[in-house]
Protein backbone atom coordinates (compact mmCIF):
# COMPACT_ATOMS: atom_id res chain seq x y z
CA MET A 1 72.31 99.62 124.82
CA LEU A 2 75.91 98.72 124.00
CA ASN A 3 76.08 96.42 127.03
CA GLU A 4 72.87 94.69 125.91
CA ALA A 5 74.31 94.29 122.41
CA PHE A 6 77.48 92.75 123.82
CA GLU A 7 75.58 90.35 126.08
CA SER A 8 73.41 89.28 123.16
CA TYR A 9 76.41 88.66 120.92
CA LYS A 10 78.26 86.85 123.71
CA ASP A 11 75.29 84.52 124.27
CA GLN A 12 75.16 83.74 120.54
CA CYS A 13 78.85 82.86 120.55
CA VAL A 14 78.52 80.68 123.66
CA GLU A 15 75.72 78.76 122.00
CA HIS A 16 77.82 78.39 118.85
CA LEU A 17 80.81 77.10 120.82
CA SER A 18 78.61 74.67 122.73
CA VAL A 19 77.55 73.01 119.48
CA LEU A 20 81.03 73.25 117.98
CA GLN A 21 82.67 71.79 121.07
CA GLU A 22 80.33 68.82 121.22
CA GLU A 23 81.17 67.97 117.60
CA PHE A 24 84.89 68.55 118.19
CA MET A 25 85.05 66.30 121.27
CA LYS A 26 83.24 63.49 119.47
CA LEU A 27 85.12 63.80 116.18
CA TYR A 28 88.55 63.60 117.81
CA ASP A 29 87.51 61.49 120.83
CA ILE A 30 89.39 63.95 123.03
CA GLU A 31 88.40 62.32 126.31
CA SER A 32 90.18 59.10 125.32
CA TYR A 33 93.57 60.86 125.59
CA GLU A 34 95.03 60.73 129.09
CA HIS A 35 97.69 63.41 128.63
CA TRP A 36 97.97 66.83 127.04
CA PHE A 37 100.84 69.24 126.43
CA TYR A 38 101.11 72.64 124.79
CA ASP A 39 104.32 73.96 123.29
CA HIS A 40 104.56 77.74 123.10
CA GLY A 41 107.80 77.30 121.18
CA ILE A 42 105.98 76.08 118.07
CA GLY A 43 102.37 76.89 118.93
CA ALA A 44 101.18 73.28 118.88
CA PHE A 45 98.92 71.41 121.30
CA HIS A 46 99.57 67.68 121.80
CA PHE A 47 97.13 65.09 123.11
CA LYS A 48 98.75 61.73 123.93
CA SER A 49 97.17 58.44 124.97
CA ASP A 50 98.67 55.62 126.99
CA ASP A 51 98.14 53.28 124.03
CA GLY A 52 100.46 55.39 121.84
CA ARG A 53 97.99 57.58 119.94
CA ASN A 54 98.90 61.22 119.29
CA LEU A 55 96.79 64.17 118.23
CA TYR A 56 98.15 67.60 117.32
CA PHE A 57 96.58 71.03 116.75
CA LYS A 58 97.78 74.52 115.95
CA TYR A 59 96.40 76.87 118.53
CA VAL A 60 95.86 80.49 119.47
CA GLU A 61 96.08 81.29 123.16
CA VAL A 62 93.05 83.37 124.04
CA GLY A 63 93.84 84.33 127.62
CA SER A 64 93.82 83.17 131.22
CA PHE A 65 91.59 83.40 134.26
CA SER A 66 93.16 83.76 137.71
CA THR A 67 91.26 81.90 140.42
CA GLU A 68 93.20 83.93 143.01
CA ARG A 69 92.23 87.37 141.69
CA ASN A 70 89.04 86.43 139.82
CA THR A 71 90.35 88.35 136.82
CA TRP A 72 90.60 87.56 133.14
CA MET A 73 93.71 88.57 131.17
CA TRP A 74 93.73 88.56 127.38
CA SER A 75 96.80 86.89 125.89
CA TRP A 76 97.99 90.11 124.22
CA GLU A 77 98.32 91.68 127.66
CA ASN A 78 100.58 88.89 128.96
CA ASP A 79 104.23 89.58 128.16
CA SER A 80 105.16 85.94 128.82
CA VAL A 81 103.04 84.72 125.89
CA PRO A 82 105.01 84.58 122.59
CA LYS A 83 103.66 86.70 119.77
CA HIS A 84 103.33 83.78 117.36
CA VAL A 85 100.76 81.98 119.54
CA ILE A 86 98.42 84.99 119.62
CA ARG A 87 98.38 85.68 115.89
CA GLY A 88 94.82 86.27 114.87
CA ILE A 89 93.70 87.52 118.27
CA GLU A 90 93.93 91.05 116.84
CA LYS A 91 90.64 90.29 115.07
CA VAL A 92 88.97 90.21 118.47
CA LYS A 93 90.29 93.65 119.40
CA ALA A 94 89.35 95.04 115.99
CA PHE A 95 85.84 93.66 116.34
CA GLY A 96 85.56 95.14 119.83
CA GLN A 97 86.69 98.52 118.52
CA GLN A 98 84.19 98.36 115.67
CA ARG A 99 81.25 97.43 117.91
CA GLY A 100 82.29 99.44 120.96
CA PHE A 101 82.58 96.30 123.11
CA ASN A 102 85.02 97.39 125.83
CA THR A 103 85.38 93.88 127.27
CA LEU A 104 87.16 92.91 124.03
CA LEU A 105 89.53 95.85 124.34
CA GLU A 106 90.54 95.85 128.01
CA GLY A 107 93.66 93.80 128.68
CA VAL A 108 92.40 92.74 132.10
CA VAL A 109 88.73 92.13 132.95
CA ALA A 110 87.96 92.22 136.68
CA ASP A 111 85.25 90.49 138.72
CA GLY A 112 84.90 87.43 136.52
CA ASP A 113 84.72 83.68 136.90
CA ASP A 114 85.58 80.63 134.82
CA TYR A 115 82.46 81.28 132.72
CA THR A 116 84.00 84.61 131.74
CA GLY A 117 86.90 82.68 130.24
CA TRP A 118 84.61 80.36 128.28
CA ALA A 119 82.45 83.24 127.06
CA LEU A 120 85.41 85.26 125.76
CA THR A 121 86.90 82.11 124.28
CA ALA A 122 83.57 81.51 122.54
CA ILE A 123 83.74 84.97 120.97
CA THR A 124 87.32 84.31 119.85
CA ALA A 125 86.40 80.91 118.41
CA LYS A 126 83.61 82.49 116.41
CA LEU A 127 85.75 85.32 115.04
CA LEU A 128 88.71 83.05 114.20
CA SER A 129 86.58 80.22 112.74
CA ALA A 130 88.15 77.79 115.22
CA ILE A 131 87.49 74.05 115.07
CA GLY A 132 87.44 73.64 118.85
CA ALA A 133 88.60 74.99 122.19
CA TYR A 134 90.32 73.74 125.33
CA ARG A 135 90.95 74.91 128.89
CA ALA A 136 94.19 73.89 130.61
CA PRO A 137 94.86 74.38 134.34
CA HIS A 138 98.24 75.74 135.42
CA GLU A 139 98.68 76.45 139.14
CA HIS A 140 96.08 79.16 139.95
CA LEU A 141 95.42 79.90 136.29
CA LEU A 142 92.95 78.47 133.81
CA ILE A 143 94.41 78.97 130.32
CA TYR A 144 92.06 79.02 127.34
CA PHE A 145 92.96 78.01 123.79
CA VAL A 146 91.20 77.79 120.45
CA PHE A 147 92.38 75.29 117.85
CA THR A 148 92.66 76.54 114.28
CA ASN A 149 93.55 73.29 112.51
CA GLU A 150 94.71 69.73 113.06
CA LEU A 151 98.33 68.78 112.35
CA THR A 152 99.55 65.47 110.99
CA GLN A 153 102.58 63.85 112.61
CA GLU A 154 104.67 64.99 109.65
CA GLN A 155 103.42 68.57 109.90
CA TYR A 156 104.09 68.59 113.64
CA ASP A 157 107.66 67.36 113.13
CA GLU A 158 108.27 69.90 110.34
CA LEU A 159 106.93 72.69 112.55
CA LYS A 160 109.78 72.15 115.00
CA ASN A 161 112.26 73.20 112.29
CA LYS A 162 110.45 76.46 111.57
CA TYR A 163 111.25 78.19 114.86
CA VAL A 164 114.42 79.66 116.30
CA GLU A 165 115.40 80.83 119.78
CA CYS A 166 116.05 84.59 119.65
CA GLU A 167 117.88 86.36 122.48
CA ALA A 168 115.61 89.38 122.14
CA HIS A 169 112.25 87.76 121.40
CA GLY A 170 112.43 84.17 122.62
CA MET A 171 111.14 81.35 120.44
CA SER A 172 109.91 82.77 117.12
CA ARG A 173 109.38 81.76 113.52
CA VAL A 174 112.53 81.47 111.36
CA ALA A 175 113.14 84.17 108.74
CA PHE A 176 116.10 85.22 106.57
CA VAL A 177 117.63 88.59 105.66
CA CYS A 178 120.74 89.52 103.71
CA GLN A 179 123.86 90.41 105.64
CA HIS A 180 123.30 94.13 104.96
CA LEU A 181 119.80 94.24 106.44
CA LEU A 182 120.93 92.59 109.64
CA LYS A 183 121.87 95.91 111.24
CA GLY A 184 121.46 98.44 108.43
CA SER A 185 118.76 101.06 107.89
CA ASN A 186 117.21 102.78 104.85
CA LEU A 187 118.71 100.14 102.56
CA GLY A 188 115.52 99.05 100.84
CA PHE A 189 113.62 95.85 101.53
CA HIS A 190 112.79 93.28 98.82
CA GLU A 191 110.75 90.24 99.88
CA THR A 192 110.27 86.89 98.18
CA ILE A 193 106.72 86.74 99.58
CA GLU A 194 104.58 89.53 101.01
CA SER A 195 104.89 89.54 104.79
CA ASN A 196 102.24 90.22 107.39
CA PRO A 197 102.98 90.16 111.15
CA LEU A 198 99.41 89.03 111.85
CA THR A 199 99.62 85.77 109.88
CA ASP A 200 101.78 82.65 109.93
CA PRO A 201 103.18 82.05 106.41
CA ASP A 202 103.45 78.69 104.68
CA ASP A 203 107.01 79.52 103.59
CA ASP A 204 109.76 81.28 105.52
CA TYR A 205 110.12 85.04 105.05
CA GLN A 206 113.20 86.12 103.12
CA ALA A 207 114.36 89.61 102.18
CA TRP A 208 117.36 91.50 100.84
CA CYS A 209 118.36 95.13 100.29
CA ASP A 210 118.51 97.33 97.17
CA ASP A 211 122.15 96.41 96.49
CA CYS A 212 121.29 92.72 96.65
CA GLU A 213 118.37 93.29 94.29
CA ILE A 214 120.74 94.94 91.80
CA ALA A 215 123.15 92.01 92.20
CA TRP A 216 120.31 89.56 91.57
CA ILE A 217 119.34 91.36 88.36
CA ARG A 218 122.98 91.41 87.28
CA GLU A 219 123.71 87.75 88.04
CA GLY A 220 120.31 86.40 87.03
CA GLU A 221 120.72 83.25 89.10
CA TRP A 222 121.57 81.98 92.55
CA ASN A 223 125.25 81.43 91.78
CA ALA A 224 128.28 81.47 94.05
CA THR A 225 128.89 85.19 93.47
CA PHE A 226 125.36 86.20 94.37
CA LYS A 227 125.22 83.80 97.32
CA ALA A 228 128.41 85.28 98.78
CA PHE A 229 127.19 88.86 98.26
CA VAL A 230 123.79 88.26 99.90
CA ASP A 231 125.12 85.99 102.67
CA LEU A 232 121.66 85.29 104.13
CA LYS A 233 121.40 85.36 107.93
CA ILE A 234 118.87 83.52 110.08
CA VAL A 235 116.73 85.80 112.24
CA CYS A 236 113.42 85.44 114.03
CA ASP A 237 110.33 86.87 112.37
CA GLN A 238 110.09 89.69 114.90
CA CYS A 239 113.66 90.76 114.08
CA TYR A 240 112.64 90.48 110.42
CA PHE A 241 109.82 92.96 110.86
CA GLU A 242 112.05 95.31 112.86
CA SER A 243 114.49 95.24 109.92
CA LYS A 244 111.62 95.88 107.53
CA ARG A 245 110.58 98.98 109.47
CA ARG A 246 114.16 100.25 109.50
CA ASN A 247 114.82 99.70 105.82
CA ILE A 248 111.65 100.08 103.81
CA SER A 249 111.26 103.34 101.90
CA GLU A 250 108.39 105.70 102.63
CA GLY A 251 106.93 104.99 99.21
CA GLY A 252 106.71 101.26 100.08
């Protein structure tokens, strides 16, 4: 019964993607672009034409199908895929857990074909409210993406300044912590905006410790004294969340 339920839902999603994809291809005239590139560093897909036109999208990598092994691998199972380009894919796993759909939970799905990739991409597109999808060949792999939104040239250029190369985590979103949180623990954790590792914020994450919070209340402004005491350090967002886990109190 569960297998029948999954097949029925999968077919619905494939039909939905078929309609969505036809509209997407026409709206953006995708086939008129001779070249495409994807940049895991910033999570942006770039279509480029020989006549100078450019088209950009934010994407989520869904997974890849190996034509050598005839296996599908979800992006969360692939250690080479940066965390920031799979944000949102957790909704697929959560949905699979809720419905008991094992195919949405297993990191690797055996005995598949390229239709398997499109079908699982269709489910992802539905759950993430994607505007379109794309399949890119890379050696023996077929890599599947869903596009979440279009980027203007200005937004694409600005995006490049929002990521930093981290020795521990590779290319990740820029964040800031006070000098004390950099290596400290149990120091408290005060954020300027509420953080969530599953979403990509509009503004950069920034946090400081209890002592910095006291200093902020005392100074009442971002003056030279407070700036020197906080001494904000650039970190990647994954280091930011590691610091948060080390320093936040049990009471939140």
